[in-house]
C-alpha atoms as a PDB file:
ATOM      1  CA  MET A   1      24.087  -0.781   9.491  1.00  0.00           C
ATOM      2  CA  THR A   2      27.105   0.421   7.210  1.00  0.00           C
ATOM      3  CA  PHE A   3      30.222  -0.275   8.038  1.00  0.00           C
ATOM      4  CA  CYS A   4      34.098  -0.134   6.466  1.00  0.00           C
ATOM      5  CA  THR A   5      35.519  -3.598   5.288  1.00  0.00           C
ATOM      6  CA  LYS A   6      38.653  -1.534   5.375  1.00  0.00           C
ATOM      7  CA  CYS A   7      39.456  -0.177   8.259  1.00  0.00           C
ATOM      8  CA  TRP A   8      36.296  -1.980  10.237  1.00  0.00           C
ATOM      9  CA  LYS A   9      34.444   1.199  11.730  1.00  0.00           C
ATOM     10  CA  ILE A  10      30.785   1.479  11.369  1.00  0.00           C
ATOM     11  CA  GLY A  11      28.611   5.159   9.493  1.00  0.00           C
ATOM     12  CA  HIS A  12      31.063   5.115   6.543  1.00  0.00           C
ATOM     13  CA  VAL A  13      31.831   1.766   3.395  1.00  0.00           C
ATOM     14  CA  ARG A  14      34.996   0.734   2.139  1.00  0.00           C
ATOM     15  CA  GLU A  15      34.513   3.494  -0.763  1.00  0.00           C
ATOM     16  CA  GLN A  16      34.629   6.164   1.373  1.00  0.00           C
ATOM     17  CA  CYS A  17      36.918   5.102   4.009  1.00  0.00           C
ATOM     18  CA  LYS A  18      39.719   7.841   4.889  1.00  0.00           C
ATOM     19  CA  ALA A  19      42.407   5.271   6.529  1.00  0.00           C
ATOM     20  CA  SER A  20      45.191   4.862   4.601  1.00  0.00           C
ATOM     21  CA  LEU A  21      45.795   0.936   5.466  1.00  0.00           C
ATOM     22  CA  GLN A  22      43.659  -1.958   4.988  1.00  0.00           C
ATOM     23  CA  LEU A  23      42.963  -3.515   8.764  1.00  0.00           C
ATOM     24  CA  CYS A  24      42.978  -7.048   9.726  1.00  0.00           C
ATOM     25  CA  ARG A  25      38.887  -7.907  10.640  1.00  0.00           C
ATOM     26  CA  VAL A  26      39.836  -9.643  14.034  1.00  0.00           C
ATOM     27  CA  CYS A  27      43.013  -7.855  15.876  1.00  0.00           C
ATOM     28  CA  LEU A  28      43.024  -4.814  14.008  1.00  0.00           C
ATOM     29  CA  ASP A  29      46.720  -4.621  13.176  1.00  0.00           C
ATOM     30  CA  GLU A  30      47.282  -4.068   9.218  1.00  0.00           C
ATOM     31  CA  THR A  31      46.624  -6.468   7.010  1.00  0.00           C
ATOM     32  CA  SER A  32      48.477  -4.430   3.544  1.00  0.00           C
ATOM     33  CA  LYS A  33      50.499  -7.532   2.837  1.00  0.00           C
ATOM     34  CA  LYS A  34      48.000 -10.277   3.775  1.00  0.00           C
ATOM     35  CA  GLU A  35      50.667 -13.055   3.129  1.00  0.00           C
ATOM     36  CA  GLU A  36      52.885 -11.059   5.652  1.00  0.00           C
ATOM     37  CA  HIS A  37      49.632 -10.953   7.814  1.00  0.00           C
ATOM     38  CA  ASN A  38      50.110 -13.269  11.102  1.00  0.00           C
ATOM     39  CA  CYS A  39      46.866 -12.245  13.038  1.00  0.00           C
ATOM     40  CA  ASN A  40      47.140 -13.111  16.853  1.00  0.00           C
ATOM     41  CA  LYS A  41      43.566 -13.758  16.700  1.00  0.00           C
ATOM     42  CA  ILE A  42      43.109 -11.342  19.980  1.00  0.00           C
ATOM     43  CA  GLN A  43      39.560  -9.491  19.144  1.00  0.00           C
ATOM     44  CA  LYS A  44      39.698  -5.541  19.140  1.00  0.00           C
ATOM     45  CA  CYS A  45      37.109  -3.314  18.025  1.00  0.00           C
ATOM     46  CA  ALA A  46      37.845  -0.682  16.215  1.00  0.00           C
ATOM     47  CA  GLN A  47      34.640   1.411  17.754  1.00  0.00           C
ATOM     48  CA  CYS A  48      36.005   1.377  21.886  1.00  0.00           C
ATOM     49  CA  GLY A  49      39.122  -0.500  21.276  1.00  0.00           C
ATOM     50  CA  GLY A  50      37.478  -3.175  23.531  1.00  0.00           C
ATOM     51  CA  GLU A  51      38.681  -6.995  23.241  1.00  0.00           C
ATOM     52  CA  HIS A  52      35.323  -8.274  20.941  1.00  0.00           C
ATOM     53  CA  HIS A  53      34.815  -8.002  17.127  1.00  0.00           C
ATOM     54  CA  SER A  54      34.582  -4.526  15.824  1.00  0.00           C
ATOM     55  CA  LEU A  55      30.670  -5.413  14.754  1.00  0.00           C
ATOM     56  CA  HIS A  56      29.590  -6.840  18.086  1.00  0.00           C
ATOM     57  CA  GLY A  57      26.216  -6.410  19.208  1.00  0.00           C
ATOM     58  CA  LEU A  58      27.401  -5.934  23.283  1.00  0.00           C
ATOM     59  CA  CYS A  59      29.515  -3.082  22.194  1.00  0.00           C
ATOM     60  CA  HIS A  60      28.568  -0.355  23.677  1.00  0.00           C
ATOM     61  CA  VAL A  61      28.884   2.278  20.242  1.00  0.00           C
ATOM     62  CA  ILE A  62      27.112  -0.757  18.325  1.00  0.00           C
ATOM     63  CA  GLN A  63      24.165  -0.595  20.418  1.00  0.00           C
ATOM     64  CA  GLN A  64      23.712   3.524  19.801  1.00  0.00           C
ATOM     65  CA  TYR A  65      24.579   3.145  16.060  1.00  0.00           C
ATOM     66  CA  ARG A  66      21.629   0.791  16.061  1.00  0.00           C
ATOM     67  CA  SER A  67      19.782   2.606  18.780  1.00  0.00           C
ATOM     68  CA  GLU A  68      20.124   5.581  16.101  1.00  0.00           C
ATOM     69  CA  LEU A  69      19.805   3.824  13.425  1.00  0.00           C
ATOM     70  CA  LYS A  70      16.360   2.931  14.465  1.00  0.00           C
ATOM     71  CA  GLU A  71      15.101   5.712  15.823  1.00  0.00           C
ATOM     72  CA  ASP A  72      15.685   7.087  12.611  1.00  0.00           C
ATOM     73  CA  VAL A  73      14.343   5.006  10.360  1.00  0.00           C
ATOM     74  CA  ASN A  74      11.231   5.183  12.419  1.00  0.00           C
ATOM     75  CA  LYS A  75      11.228   9.263  12.262  1.00  0.00           C
ATOM     76  CA  ALA A  76      11.337   8.658   7.863  1.00  0.00           C
ATOM     77  CA  LEU A  77       8.263   6.375   8.368  1.00  0.00           C
ATOM     78  CA  GLU A  78       6.275   8.304  10.531  1.00  0.00           C
ATOM     79  CA  SER A  79       7.260  11.064   8.601  1.00  0.00           C
ATOM     80  CA  GLY A  80       6.586   9.807   4.734  1.00  0.00           C
ATOM     81  CA  LYS A  81      10.442   9.668   3.535  1.00  0.00           C
ATOM     82  CA  LEU A  82      10.523   5.681   3.736  1.00  0.00           C
ATOM     83  CA  HIS A  83       7.948   3.357   3.206  1.00  0.00           C
ATOM     84  CA  ARG A  84       7.883  -0.423   4.834  1.00  0.00           C
ATOM     85  CA  ASN A  85       7.614  -2.173   2.025  1.00  0.00           C
ATOM     86  CA  ASP A  86       6.141  -6.109   2.966  1.00  0.00           C
ATOM     87  CA  TYR A  87       6.446  -8.448   0.357  1.00  0.00           C
ATOM     88  CA  THR A  88       5.079 -11.378   2.324  1.00  0.00           C
ATOM     89  CA  ASN A  89       2.324 -12.989   0.208  1.00  0.00           C
ATOM     90  CA  GLN A  90       2.032 -10.681  -2.071  1.00  0.00           C
ATOM     91  CA  GLN A  91       1.380 -12.580  -5.834  1.00  0.00           C
ATOM     92  CA  HIS A  92       2.695 -11.134  -9.334  1.00  0.00           C
ATOM     93  CA  VAL A  93       0.482 -11.737 -11.781  1.00  0.00           C
ATOM     94  CA  PHE A  94       2.011 -11.206 -14.845  1.00  0.00           C
ATOM     95  CA  SER A  95       0.475  -8.923 -17.309  1.00  0.00           C
ATOM     96  CA  MET A  96       2.227  -8.159 -21.079  1.00  0.00           C
ATOM     97  CA  LYS A  97       1.125  -4.443 -22.505  1.00  0.00           C
ATOM     98  CA  ASP A  98       1.159  -4.269 -25.814  1.00  0.00           C
ATOM     99  CA  GLN A  99       3.525  -0.915 -25.543  1.00  0.00           C
ATOM    100  CA  ASP A 100       6.024  -2.755 -23.794  1.00  0.00           C
ATOM    101  CA  PHE A 101       7.264  -4.386 -27.631  1.00  0.00           C
ATOM    102  CA  PRO A 102       5.260  -3.021 -30.416  1.00  0.00           C
ATOM    103  CA  PRO A 103       5.030  -5.062 -33.464  1.00  0.00           C
ATOM    104  CA  LEU A 104       6.892  -4.384 -36.084  1.00  0.00           C
ATOM    105  CA  GLY A 105       5.811  -2.643 -39.091  1.00  0.00           C
ATOM    106  CA  GLU A 106       6.305  -3.167 -42.741  1.00  0.00           C
ATOM    107  CA  SER A 107       9.386  -2.159 -44.542  1.00  0.00           C
ATOM    108  CA  GLU A 108       9.203   1.172 -46.871  1.00  0.00           C
ATOM    109  CA  LYS A 109      11.438  -0.294 -49.229  1.00  0.00           C
ATOM    110  CA  PRO A 110       9.972  -1.042 -52.290  1.00  0.00           C
ATOM    111  CA  ARG A 111       9.803  -4.686 -53.253  1.00  0.00           C
ATOM    112  CA  GLN A 112       9.998  -6.010 -57.235  1.00  0.00           C
ATOM    113  CA  ALA A 113       8.577  -8.516 -58.464  1.00  0.00           C
ATOM    114  CA  ILE A 114      10.942 -10.726 -59.881  1.00  0.00           C
ATOM    115  CA  TRP A 115       9.585 -14.521 -60.251  1.00  0.00           C
ATOM    116  CA  ASN A 116       6.328 -14.179 -59.483  1.00  0.00           C
ATOM    117  CA  HIS A 117       5.141 -17.240 -59.008  1.00  0.00           C
ATOM    118  CA  VAL A 118       8.224 -17.924 -56.074  1.00  0.00           C
ATOM    119  CA  GLN A 119       6.962 -14.326 -54.733  1.00  0.00           C
ATOM    120  CA  THR A 120       3.643 -15.772 -52.791  1.00  0.00           C
ATOM    121  CA  GLU A 121       4.729 -19.066 -51.785  1.00  0.00           C
ATOM    122  CA  VAL A 122       7.497 -16.834 -49.888  1.00  0.00           C
ATOM    123  CA  ARG A 123       4.935 -13.710 -48.715  1.00  0.00           C
ATOM    124  CA  THR A 124       3.157 -16.512 -46.977  1.00  0.00           C
ATOM    125  CA  GLU A 125       6.007 -17.869 -45.855  1.00  0.00           C
ATOM    126  CA  ASP A 126       7.458 -14.589 -44.608  1.00  0.00           C
ATOM    127  CA  SER A 127       4.027 -13.951 -43.009  1.00  0.00           C
ATOM    128  CA  LEU A 128       3.917 -17.018 -41.014  1.00  0.00           C
ATOM    129  CA  CYS A 129       8.065 -16.486 -39.626  1.00  0.00           C
ATOM    130  CA  SER A 130       6.926 -13.224 -39.129  1.00  0.00           C
ATOM    131  CA  LYS A 131       3.722 -14.115 -36.966  1.00  0.00           C
ATOM    132  CA  THR A 132       6.520 -16.946 -35.124  1.00  0.00           C
ATOM    133  CA  LEU A 133       8.714 -14.022 -34.620  1.00  0.00           C
ATOM    134  CA  LEU A 134       6.660 -12.059 -33.563  1.00  0.00           C
ATOM    135  CA  LEU A 135       5.174 -14.523 -31.113  1.00  0.00           C
ATOM    136  CA  ILE A 136       8.795 -15.873 -29.694  1.00  0.00           C
ATOM    137  CA  ASN A 137       9.539 -11.819 -29.472  1.00  0.00           C
ATOM    138  CA  GLU A 138       6.997 -11.959 -26.768  1.00  0.00           C
ATOM    139  CA  ASN A 139       7.144 -14.646 -25.562  1.00  0.00           C
ATOM    140  CA  LEU A 140      11.146 -13.618 -24.257  1.00  0.00           C
ATOM    141  CA  VAL A 141       9.780 -10.129 -23.250  1.00  0.00           C
ATOM    142  CA  ALA A 142       8.042 -11.649 -20.961  1.00  0.00           C
ATOM    143  CA  MET A 143      10.800 -14.184 -19.279  1.00  0.00           C
ATOM    144  CA  HIS A 144      12.445 -11.066 -19.231  1.00  0.00           C
ATOM    145  CA  ASN A 145      10.436  -9.162 -17.730  1.00  0.00           C
ATOM    146  CA  SER A 146       9.807 -12.041 -15.610  1.00  0.00           C
ATOM    147  CA  ASN A 147      13.882 -13.355 -14.432  1.00  0.00           C
ATOM    148  CA  ILE A 148      13.692  -9.575 -13.599  1.00  0.00           C
ATOM    149  CA  ARG A 149      11.073  -9.534 -10.852  1.00  0.00           C
ATOM    150  CA  ILE A 150      12.700 -12.776  -9.852  1.00  0.00           C
ATOM    151  CA  GLU A 151      16.289 -10.803  -9.640  1.00  0.00           C
ATOM    152  CA  GLU A 152      15.211  -8.383  -7.528  1.00  0.00           C
ATOM    153  CA  LYS A 153      13.373 -10.542  -5.535  1.00  0.00           C
ATOM    154  CA  LEU A 154      16.536 -12.987  -4.719  1.00  0.00           C
ATOM    155  CA  GLU A 155      18.460  -9.602  -3.982  1.00  0.00           C
ATOM    156  CA  LYS A 156      16.387  -8.637  -1.218  1.00  0.00           C
ATOM    157  CA  LEU A 157      16.709 -12.301  -0.250  1.00  0.00           C
ATOM    158  CA  ASP A 158      20.469 -12.163   0.047  1.00  0.00           C
ATOM    159  CA  ILE A 159      20.187  -8.837   1.230  1.00  0.00           C
ATOM    160  CA  LYS A 160      17.834  -9.936   4.128  1.00  0.00           C
ATOM    161  CA  LEU A 161      20.435 -12.935   4.226  1.00  0.00           C
ATOM    162  CA  ASN A 162      24.040 -11.122   4.873  1.00  0.00           C
ATOM    163  CA  GLN A 163      22.002  -8.911   7.479  1.00  0.00           C
ATOM    164  CA  THR A 164      20.785 -12.465   9.628  1.00  0.00           C
ATOM    165  CA  ALA A 165      24.236 -14.055   8.919  1.00  0.00           C
ATOM    166  CA  LEU A 166      25.451 -10.326   9.983  1.00  0.00           C
ATOM    167  CA  ASP A 167      23.249 -10.314  13.454  1.00  0.00           C
ATOM    168  CA  THR A 168      23.655 -14.208  14.114  1.00  0.00           C
ATOM    169  CA  GLU A 169      27.570 -13.182  13.745  1.00  0.00           C
ATOM    170  CA  LEU A 170      27.434 -10.586  16.136  1.00  0.00           C
ATOM    171  CA  HIS A 171      25.078 -12.115  18.592  1.00  0.00           C
ATOM    172  CA  GLN A 172      28.038 -14.667  19.275  1.00  0.00           C
END
């Protein structure tokens, strides 16, 4: 359900709001200067003008909006325009593909053997360092991908939590 935090009406968000004034969430009086606003604590609905919160679940406009939204979502699901994701009991198996982070190639720049006795040691150490760095890079990519998946899950949980909190608030 989309609603505006500027005028408290449903169907649009703050960035799309055409209202010129910021309204109090409770009394719907102008609050462009928050320090000067003294809320009278009398609830007024931005949808119907009733004496309840603007997003109250018992408001007939909110109920109608939710009903239409639910119907639209069900139609979109039935037509295949929208797909319901089931995130319960899904286990994600991590898989790292070679093409995700290809190994670094050898430099095309010719090397000059200045100190022959030191260069073989350096090459061995370079090779070991390269292998270690490659392993570290692979682990970093794996951790990065894992973090992305965790962030996506947290974002979805946050959305669900916000919706649940809003629903709880509206039903009170």
